[in-house]
Amino acid sequence: MGEYHRITRECTLDSMRPELAAAIRNHIEKYGLEGVETSVLMCCETVSTKQKKSLFSRKTEVVLLGAFLTSKWLIWAVGKENEVPGVLSTRLDDIRVEDYEDTQMYKMIQDTGVNVLGLRVEEGSAGSAFIGLGPEPASQKFREMLKEAIKKV
Protein backbone atom coordinates (compact mmCIF):
# COMPACT_ATOMS: atom_id res chain seq x y z
CA MET A 1 0.00 0.00 0.00
CA GLY A 2 1.04 3.63 -0.41
CA GLU A 3 2.73 5.78 2.16
CA TYR A 4 -0.59 7.26 3.27
CA HIS A 5 -3.43 5.69 5.23
CA ARG A 6 -6.56 7.35 3.81
CA ILE A 7 -10.03 7.57 5.32
CA THR A 8 -12.84 9.12 3.25
CA ARG A 9 -16.30 10.08 4.42
CA GLU A 10 -19.29 11.59 2.67
CA CYS A 11 -20.24 15.01 4.01
CA THR A 12 -21.85 18.31 3.09
CA LEU A 13 -20.02 21.57 2.63
CA ASP A 14 -21.41 22.60 6.03
CA SER A 15 -20.16 19.44 7.77
CA MET A 16 -16.76 19.45 6.04
CA ARG A 17 -13.77 20.53 8.12
CA PRO A 18 -14.10 24.31 8.49
CA GLU A 19 -10.74 25.14 6.90
CA LEU A 20 -11.58 23.10 3.79
CA ALA A 21 -15.11 24.48 3.47
CA ALA A 22 -13.87 28.06 3.93
CA ALA A 23 -11.19 27.60 1.27
CA ILE A 24 -13.76 26.18 -1.19
CA ARG A 25 -16.25 28.98 -0.48
CA ASN A 26 -13.52 31.63 -0.92
CA HIS A 27 -12.55 30.02 -4.23
CA ILE A 28 -16.18 30.00 -5.39
CA GLU A 29 -16.46 33.71 -4.62
CA LYS A 30 -13.06 34.63 -6.10
CA TYR A 31 -13.76 32.90 -9.42
CA GLY A 32 -17.41 33.90 -9.73
CA LEU A 33 -18.80 30.40 -9.38
CA GLU A 34 -21.76 31.52 -7.29
CA GLY A 35 -24.71 29.19 -7.55
CA VAL A 36 -22.68 25.97 -7.68
CA GLU A 37 -23.77 25.11 -4.15
CA THR A 38 -27.32 24.65 -5.42
CA SER A 39 -26.31 21.90 -7.85
CA VAL A 40 -24.14 19.78 -5.55
CA LEU A 41 -24.12 16.07 -6.34
CA MET A 42 -21.74 15.00 -3.58
CA CYS A 43 -19.13 16.22 -1.13
CA CYS A 44 -16.51 14.10 0.55
CA GLU A 45 -13.57 14.58 2.85
CA THR A 46 -10.39 12.51 3.06
CA VAL A 47 -7.90 12.47 5.90
CA SER A 48 -4.54 11.06 4.79
CA THR A 49 -2.03 10.14 7.48
CA LYS A 50 1.63 9.40 6.83
CA GLN A 51 4.15 8.21 9.39
CA LYS A 52 7.53 9.81 8.73
CA LYS A 53 10.32 7.78 10.23
CA SER A 54 13.55 9.38 11.32
CA LEU A 55 16.45 8.09 13.31
CA PHE A 56 15.13 9.29 16.67
CA SER A 57 11.41 9.80 16.25
CA ARG A 58 8.31 9.29 14.22
CA LYS A 59 6.55 12.35 12.93
CA THR A 60 2.99 12.14 11.65
CA GLU A 61 1.94 14.16 8.61
CA VAL A 62 -1.77 14.68 8.05
CA VAL A 63 -3.15 15.92 4.72
CA LEU A 64 -6.78 17.01 4.45
CA LEU A 65 -8.81 16.97 1.25
CA GLY A 66 -12.36 18.16 0.65
CA ALA A 67 -14.02 17.54 -2.72
CA PHE A 68 -17.18 19.23 -3.99
CA LEU A 69 -18.88 17.79 -7.08
CA THR A 70 -21.68 19.54 -8.99
CA SER A 71 -23.36 18.76 -12.27
CA LYS A 72 -20.80 20.98 -14.05
CA TRP A 73 -17.84 21.52 -11.69
CA LEU A 74 -15.31 19.64 -9.60
CA ILE A 75 -13.78 21.77 -6.85
CA TRP A 76 -11.36 20.44 -4.27
CA ALA A 77 -9.24 21.82 -1.45
CA VAL A 78 -6.14 20.10 -0.15
CA GLY A 79 -3.46 20.93 2.38
CA LYS A 80 -1.53 19.78 5.38
CA GLU A 81 -3.23 19.97 8.73
CA ASN A 82 -2.84 23.41 10.37
CA GLU A 83 -1.98 25.05 7.02
CA VAL A 84 -4.20 26.99 4.63
CA PRO A 85 -5.42 24.57 1.94
CA GLY A 86 -5.05 25.26 -1.75
CA VAL A 87 -8.07 24.92 -4.02
CA LEU A 88 -8.39 23.67 -7.59
CA SER A 89 -11.46 23.64 -9.78
CA THR A 90 -12.35 22.50 -13.26
CA ARG A 91 -15.40 22.27 -15.46
CA LEU A 92 -16.43 18.65 -15.94
CA ASP A 93 -16.55 19.04 -19.72
CA ASP A 94 -12.83 19.95 -19.71
CA ILE A 95 -11.57 16.84 -17.92
CA ARG A 96 -11.37 13.11 -17.87
CA VAL A 97 -10.68 10.98 -14.83
CA GLU A 98 -9.02 7.64 -14.34
CA ASP A 99 -8.75 5.40 -11.33
CA TYR A 100 -5.20 5.69 -10.07
CA GLU A 101 -5.11 1.93 -9.53
CA ASP A 102 -5.47 1.46 -13.32
CA THR A 103 -2.42 3.59 -14.20
CA GLN A 104 1.17 2.59 -14.87
CA MET A 105 2.25 4.71 -11.88
CA TYR A 106 0.37 2.34 -9.56
CA LYS A 107 2.98 -0.34 -10.30
CA MET A 108 5.64 1.90 -8.73
CA ILE A 109 3.67 3.69 -6.01
CA GLN A 110 0.57 1.92 -4.77
CA ASP A 111 -2.12 4.29 -3.62
CA THR A 112 -5.87 4.83 -4.04
CA GLY A 113 -7.77 7.67 -5.67
CA VAL A 114 -8.37 9.27 -9.05
CA ASN A 115 -6.26 11.23 -11.49
CA VAL A 116 -7.96 14.30 -12.93
CA LEU A 117 -6.67 15.13 -16.40
CA GLY A 118 -7.66 18.35 -18.14
CA LEU A 119 -7.97 22.08 -17.73
CA ARG A 120 -7.95 23.92 -14.44
CA VAL A 121 -9.65 27.30 -14.02
CA GLU A 122 -6.79 28.82 -12.02
CA GLU A 123 -4.09 28.20 -14.59
CA GLY A 124 -6.02 28.10 -17.85
CA SER A 125 -3.69 25.41 -19.12
CA ALA A 126 -3.72 21.62 -19.36
CA GLY A 127 -2.70 19.83 -16.21
CA SER A 128 -3.37 16.85 -14.02
CA ALA A 129 -3.94 16.27 -10.34
CA PHE A 130 -4.29 13.33 -7.99
CA ILE A 131 -7.20 13.14 -5.56
CA GLY A 132 -6.38 10.64 -2.83
CA LEU A 133 -9.33 8.60 -1.59
CA GLY A 134 -9.67 5.85 0.97
CA PRO A 135 -11.26 2.42 0.47
CA GLU A 136 -14.60 3.33 2.07
CA PRO A 137 -17.98 3.17 0.29
CA ALA A 138 -18.04 7.00 0.18
CA SER A 139 -14.92 6.90 -1.99
CA GLN A 140 -16.44 4.45 -4.42
CA LYS A 141 -19.63 6.51 -4.57
CA PHE A 142 -17.63 9.67 -5.28
CA ARG A 143 -15.68 7.97 -8.09
CA GLU A 144 -18.88 6.65 -9.68
CA MET A 145 -20.72 9.96 -9.40
CA LEU A 146 -17.76 11.87 -10.84
CA LYS A 147 -17.48 9.54 -13.84
CA GLU A 148 -21.25 9.64 -14.42
CA ALA A 149 -21.37 13.44 -14.17
CA ILE A 150 -18.56 13.73 -16.73
CA LYS A 151 -20.47 11.46 -19.13
CA LYS A 152 -23.56 13.66 -18.82
CA VAL A 153 -21.90 16.97 -19.74
C-alpha atoms as a PDB file:
ATOM      1  CA  MET A   1       0.000   0.000   0.000  1.00  0.00           C
ATOM      2  CA  GLY A   2       1.043   3.631  -0.408  1.00  0.00           C
ATOM      3  CA  GLU A   3       2.733   5.780   2.159  1.00  0.00           C
ATOM      4  CA  TYR A   4      -0.591   7.258   3.274  1.00  0.00           C
ATOM      5  CA  HIS A   5      -3.426   5.694   5.230  1.00  0.00           C
ATOM      6  CA  ARG A   6      -6.560   7.351   3.809  1.00  0.00           C
ATOM      7  CA  ILE A   7     -10.030   7.566   5.316  1.00  0.00           C
ATOM      8  CA  THR A   8     -12.838   9.124   3.255  1.00  0.00           C
ATOM      9  CA  ARG A   9     -16.304  10.084   4.423  1.00  0.00           C
ATOM     10  CA  GLU A  10     -19.290  11.590   2.669  1.00  0.00           C
ATOM     11  CA  CYS A  11     -20.241  15.005   4.010  1.00  0.00           C
ATOM     12  CA  THR A  12     -21.847  18.306   3.091  1.00  0.00           C
ATOM     13  CA  LEU A  13     -20.016  21.570   2.631  1.00  0.00           C
ATOM     14  CA  ASP A  14     -21.414  22.604   6.028  1.00  0.00           C
ATOM     15  CA  SER A  15     -20.163  19.439   7.768  1.00  0.00           C
ATOM     16  CA  MET A  16     -16.762  19.455   6.043  1.00  0.00           C
ATOM     17  CA  ARG A  17     -13.772  20.530   8.124  1.00  0.00           C
ATOM     18  CA  PRO A  18     -14.098  24.310   8.491  1.00  0.00           C
ATOM     19  CA  GLU A  19     -10.742  25.141   6.899  1.00  0.00           C
ATOM     20  CA  LEU A  20     -11.580  23.100   3.789  1.00  0.00           C
ATOM     21  CA  ALA A  21     -15.114  24.479   3.474  1.00  0.00           C
ATOM     22  CA  ALA A  22     -13.873  28.062   3.932  1.00  0.00           C
ATOM     23  CA  ALA A  23     -11.191  27.595   1.266  1.00  0.00           C
ATOM     24  CA  ILE A  24     -13.759  26.179  -1.189  1.00  0.00           C
ATOM     25  CA  ARG A  25     -16.249  28.981  -0.479  1.00  0.00           C
ATOM     26  CA  ASN A  26     -13.519  31.631  -0.920  1.00  0.00           C
ATOM     27  CA  HIS A  27     -12.553  30.019  -4.232  1.00  0.00           C
ATOM     28  CA  ILE A  28     -16.176  30.002  -5.394  1.00  0.00           C
ATOM     29  CA  GLU A  29     -16.464  33.711  -4.618  1.00  0.00           C
ATOM     30  CA  LYS A  30     -13.057  34.628  -6.100  1.00  0.00           C
ATOM     31  CA  TYR A  31     -13.760  32.898  -9.425  1.00  0.00           C
ATOM     32  CA  GLY A  32     -17.413  33.897  -9.734  1.00  0.00           C
ATOM     33  CA  LEU A  33     -18.797  30.396  -9.380  1.00  0.00           C
ATOM     34  CA  GLU A  34     -21.761  31.518  -7.293  1.00  0.00           C
ATOM     35  CA  GLY A  35     -24.713  29.194  -7.551  1.00  0.00           C
ATOM     36  CA  VAL A  36     -22.682  25.971  -7.680  1.00  0.00           C
ATOM     37  CA  GLU A  37     -23.769  25.105  -4.152  1.00  0.00           C
ATOM     38  CA  THR A  38     -27.319  24.648  -5.422  1.00  0.00           C
ATOM     39  CA  SER A  39     -26.307  21.900  -7.849  1.00  0.00           C
ATOM     40  CA  VAL A  40     -24.137  19.782  -5.551  1.00  0.00           C
ATOM     41  CA  LEU A  41     -24.120  16.069  -6.339  1.00  0.00           C
ATOM     42  CA  MET A  42     -21.737  14.997  -3.585  1.00  0.00           C
ATOM     43  CA  CYS A  43     -19.133  16.223  -1.128  1.00  0.00           C
ATOM     44  CA  CYS A  44     -16.514  14.097   0.552  1.00  0.00           C
ATOM     45  CA  GLU A  45     -13.568  14.577   2.846  1.00  0.00           C
ATOM     46  CA  THR A  46     -10.391  12.506   3.057  1.00  0.00           C
ATOM     47  CA  VAL A  47      -7.896  12.466   5.904  1.00  0.00           C
ATOM     48  CA  SER A  48      -4.540  11.056   4.794  1.00  0.00           C
ATOM     49  CA  THR A  49      -2.028  10.142   7.483  1.00  0.00           C
ATOM     50  CA  LYS A  50       1.632   9.398   6.834  1.00  0.00           C
ATOM     51  CA  GLN A  51       4.146   8.211   9.386  1.00  0.00           C
ATOM     52  CA  LYS A  52       7.528   9.807   8.729  1.00  0.00           C
ATOM     53  CA  LYS A  53      10.320   7.778  10.226  1.00  0.00           C
ATOM     54  CA  SER A  54      13.547   9.381  11.322  1.00  0.00           C
ATOM     55  CA  LEU A  55      16.451   8.091  13.314  1.00  0.00           C
ATOM     56  CA  PHE A  56      15.132   9.287  16.666  1.00  0.00           C
ATOM     57  CA  SER A  57      11.411   9.801  16.248  1.00  0.00           C
ATOM     58  CA  ARG A  58       8.311   9.294  14.217  1.00  0.00           C
ATOM     59  CA  LYS A  59       6.549  12.350  12.928  1.00  0.00           C
ATOM     60  CA  THR A  60       2.992  12.138  11.651  1.00  0.00           C
ATOM     61  CA  GLU A  61       1.941  14.158   8.610  1.00  0.00           C
ATOM     62  CA  VAL A  62      -1.773  14.681   8.054  1.00  0.00           C
ATOM     63  CA  VAL A  63      -3.150  15.916   4.720  1.00  0.00           C
ATOM     64  CA  LEU A  64      -6.775  17.013   4.446  1.00  0.00           C
ATOM     65  CA  LEU A  65      -8.810  16.975   1.247  1.00  0.00           C
ATOM     66  CA  GLY A  66     -12.356  18.161   0.655  1.00  0.00           C
ATOM     67  CA  ALA A  67     -14.018  17.541  -2.718  1.00  0.00           C
ATOM     68  CA  PHE A  68     -17.184  19.235  -3.990  1.00  0.00           C
ATOM     69  CA  LEU A  69     -18.884  17.794  -7.076  1.00  0.00           C
ATOM     70  CA  THR A  70     -21.679  19.538  -8.986  1.00  0.00           C
ATOM     71  CA  SER A  71     -23.364  18.758 -12.271  1.00  0.00           C
ATOM     72  CA  LYS A  72     -20.799  20.984 -14.051  1.00  0.00           C
ATOM     73  CA  TRP A  73     -17.840  21.524 -11.694  1.00  0.00           C
ATOM     74  CA  LEU A  74     -15.313  19.639  -9.603  1.00  0.00           C
ATOM     75  CA  ILE A  75     -13.785  21.766  -6.852  1.00  0.00           C
ATOM     76  CA  TRP A  76     -11.358  20.442  -4.268  1.00  0.00           C
ATOM     77  CA  ALA A  77      -9.243  21.819  -1.446  1.00  0.00           C
ATOM     78  CA  VAL A  78      -6.138  20.099  -0.150  1.00  0.00           C
ATOM     79  CA  GLY A  79      -3.460  20.931   2.379  1.00  0.00           C
ATOM     80  CA  LYS A  80      -1.528  19.777   5.381  1.00  0.00           C
ATOM     81  CA  GLU A  81      -3.232  19.967   8.731  1.00  0.00           C
ATOM     82  CA  ASN A  82      -2.838  23.412  10.370  1.00  0.00           C
ATOM     83  CA  GLU A  83      -1.979  25.047   7.024  1.00  0.00           C
ATOM     84  CA  VAL A  84      -4.205  26.994   4.632  1.00  0.00           C
ATOM     85  CA  PRO A  85      -5.420  24.572   1.942  1.00  0.00           C
ATOM     86  CA  GLY A  86      -5.048  25.259  -1.755  1.00  0.00           C
ATOM     87  CA  VAL A  87      -8.070  24.919  -4.019  1.00  0.00           C
ATOM     88  CA  LEU A  88      -8.393  23.674  -7.589  1.00  0.00           C
ATOM     89  CA  SER A  89     -11.463  23.641  -9.785  1.00  0.00           C
ATOM     90  CA  THR A  90     -12.346  22.500 -13.257  1.00  0.00           C
ATOM     91  CA  ARG A  91     -15.397  22.266 -15.465  1.00  0.00           C
ATOM     92  CA  LEU A  92     -16.426  18.647 -15.939  1.00  0.00           C
ATOM     93  CA  ASP A  93     -16.551  19.042 -19.717  1.00  0.00           C
ATOM     94  CA  ASP A  94     -12.833  19.949 -19.706  1.00  0.00           C
ATOM     95  CA  ILE A  95     -11.571  16.843 -17.916  1.00  0.00           C
ATOM     96  CA  ARG A  96     -11.374  13.113 -17.873  1.00  0.00           C
ATOM     97  CA  VAL A  97     -10.682  10.979 -14.833  1.00  0.00           C
ATOM     98  CA  GLU A  98      -9.024   7.639 -14.340  1.00  0.00           C
ATOM     99  CA  ASP A  99      -8.748   5.398 -11.325  1.00  0.00           C
ATOM    100  CA  TYR A 100      -5.199   5.691 -10.067  1.00  0.00           C
ATOM    101  CA  GLU A 101      -5.106   1.932  -9.531  1.00  0.00           C
ATOM    102  CA  ASP A 102      -5.467   1.459 -13.315  1.00  0.00           C
ATOM    103  CA  THR A 103      -2.421   3.590 -14.201  1.00  0.00           C
ATOM    104  CA  GLN A 104       1.174   2.594 -14.866  1.00  0.00           C
ATOM    105  CA  MET A 105       2.250   4.713 -11.882  1.00  0.00           C
ATOM    106  CA  TYR A 106       0.372   2.340  -9.561  1.00  0.00           C
ATOM    107  CA  LYS A 107       2.980  -0.341 -10.300  1.00  0.00           C
ATOM    108  CA  MET A 108       5.641   1.904  -8.734  1.00  0.00           C
ATOM    109  CA  ILE A 109       3.666   3.687  -6.013  1.00  0.00           C
ATOM    110  CA  GLN A 110       0.566   1.921  -4.770  1.00  0.00           C
ATOM    111  CA  ASP A 111      -2.123   4.288  -3.615  1.00  0.00           C
ATOM    112  CA  THR A 112      -5.865   4.835  -4.042  1.00  0.00           C
ATOM    113  CA  GLY A 113      -7.767   7.666  -5.669  1.00  0.00           C
ATOM    114  CA  VAL A 114      -8.369   9.271  -9.048  1.00  0.00           C
ATOM    115  CA  ASN A 115      -6.260  11.230 -11.493  1.00  0.00           C
ATOM    116  CA  VAL A 116      -7.960  14.295 -12.926  1.00  0.00           C
ATOM    117  CA  LEU A 117      -6.670  15.127 -16.398  1.00  0.00           C
ATOM    118  CA  GLY A 118      -7.656  18.349 -18.138  1.00  0.00           C
ATOM    119  CA  LEU A 119      -7.966  22.077 -17.734  1.00  0.00           C
ATOM    120  CA  ARG A 120      -7.946  23.922 -14.439  1.00  0.00           C
ATOM    121  CA  VAL A 121      -9.649  27.299 -14.024  1.00  0.00           C
ATOM    122  CA  GLU A 122      -6.794  28.825 -12.020  1.00  0.00           C
ATOM    123  CA  GLU A 123      -4.087  28.204 -14.589  1.00  0.00           C
ATOM    124  CA  GLY A 124      -6.015  28.102 -17.851  1.00  0.00           C
ATOM    125  CA  SER A 125      -3.693  25.408 -19.122  1.00  0.00           C
ATOM    126  CA  ALA A 126      -3.724  21.623 -19.360  1.00  0.00           C
ATOM    127  CA  GLY A 127      -2.697  19.830 -16.212  1.00  0.00           C
ATOM    128  CA  SER A 128      -3.372  16.852 -14.024  1.00  0.00           C
ATOM    129  CA  ALA A 129      -3.937  16.272 -10.338  1.00  0.00           C
ATOM    130  CA  PHE A 130      -4.287  13.328  -7.988  1.00  0.00           C
ATOM    131  CA  ILE A 131      -7.201  13.142  -5.560  1.00  0.00           C
ATOM    132  CA  GLY A 132      -6.384  10.642  -2.828  1.00  0.00           C
ATOM    133  CA  LEU A 133      -9.328   8.604  -1.586  1.00  0.00           C
ATOM    134  CA  GLY A 134      -9.667   5.852   0.974  1.00  0.00           C
ATOM    135  CA  PRO A 135     -11.257   2.423   0.474  1.00  0.00           C
ATOM    136  CA  GLU A 136     -14.602   3.331   2.072  1.00  0.00           C
ATOM    137  CA  PRO A 137     -17.979   3.173   0.286  1.00  0.00           C
ATOM    138  CA  ALA A 138     -18.038   7.001   0.181  1.00  0.00           C
ATOM    139  CA  SER A 139     -14.918   6.899  -1.991  1.00  0.00           C
ATOM    140  CA  GLN A 140     -16.442   4.449  -4.418  1.00  0.00           C
ATOM    141  CA  LYS A 141     -19.630   6.508  -4.569  1.00  0.00           C
ATOM    142  CA  PHE A 142     -17.630   9.672  -5.276  1.00  0.00           C
ATOM    143  CA  ARG A 143     -15.683   7.972  -8.093  1.00  0.00           C
ATOM    144  CA  GLU A 144     -18.884   6.653  -9.682  1.00  0.00           C
ATOM    145  CA  MET A 145     -20.720   9.961  -9.398  1.00  0.00           C
ATOM    146  CA  LEU A 146     -17.762  11.871 -10.841  1.00  0.00           C
ATOM    147  CA  LYS A 147     -17.479   9.544 -13.840  1.00  0.00           C
ATOM    148  CA  GLU A 148     -21.252   9.641 -14.417  1.00  0.00           C
ATOM    149  CA  ALA A 149     -21.370  13.437 -14.169  1.00  0.00           C
ATOM    150  CA  ILE A 150     -18.560  13.732 -16.731  1.00  0.00           C
ATOM    151  CA  LYS A 151     -20.467  11.456 -19.133  1.00  0.00           C
ATOM    152  CA  LYS A 152     -23.561  13.657 -18.819  1.00  0.00           C
ATOM    153  CA  VAL A 153     -21.898  16.972 -19.739  1.00  0.00           C
END
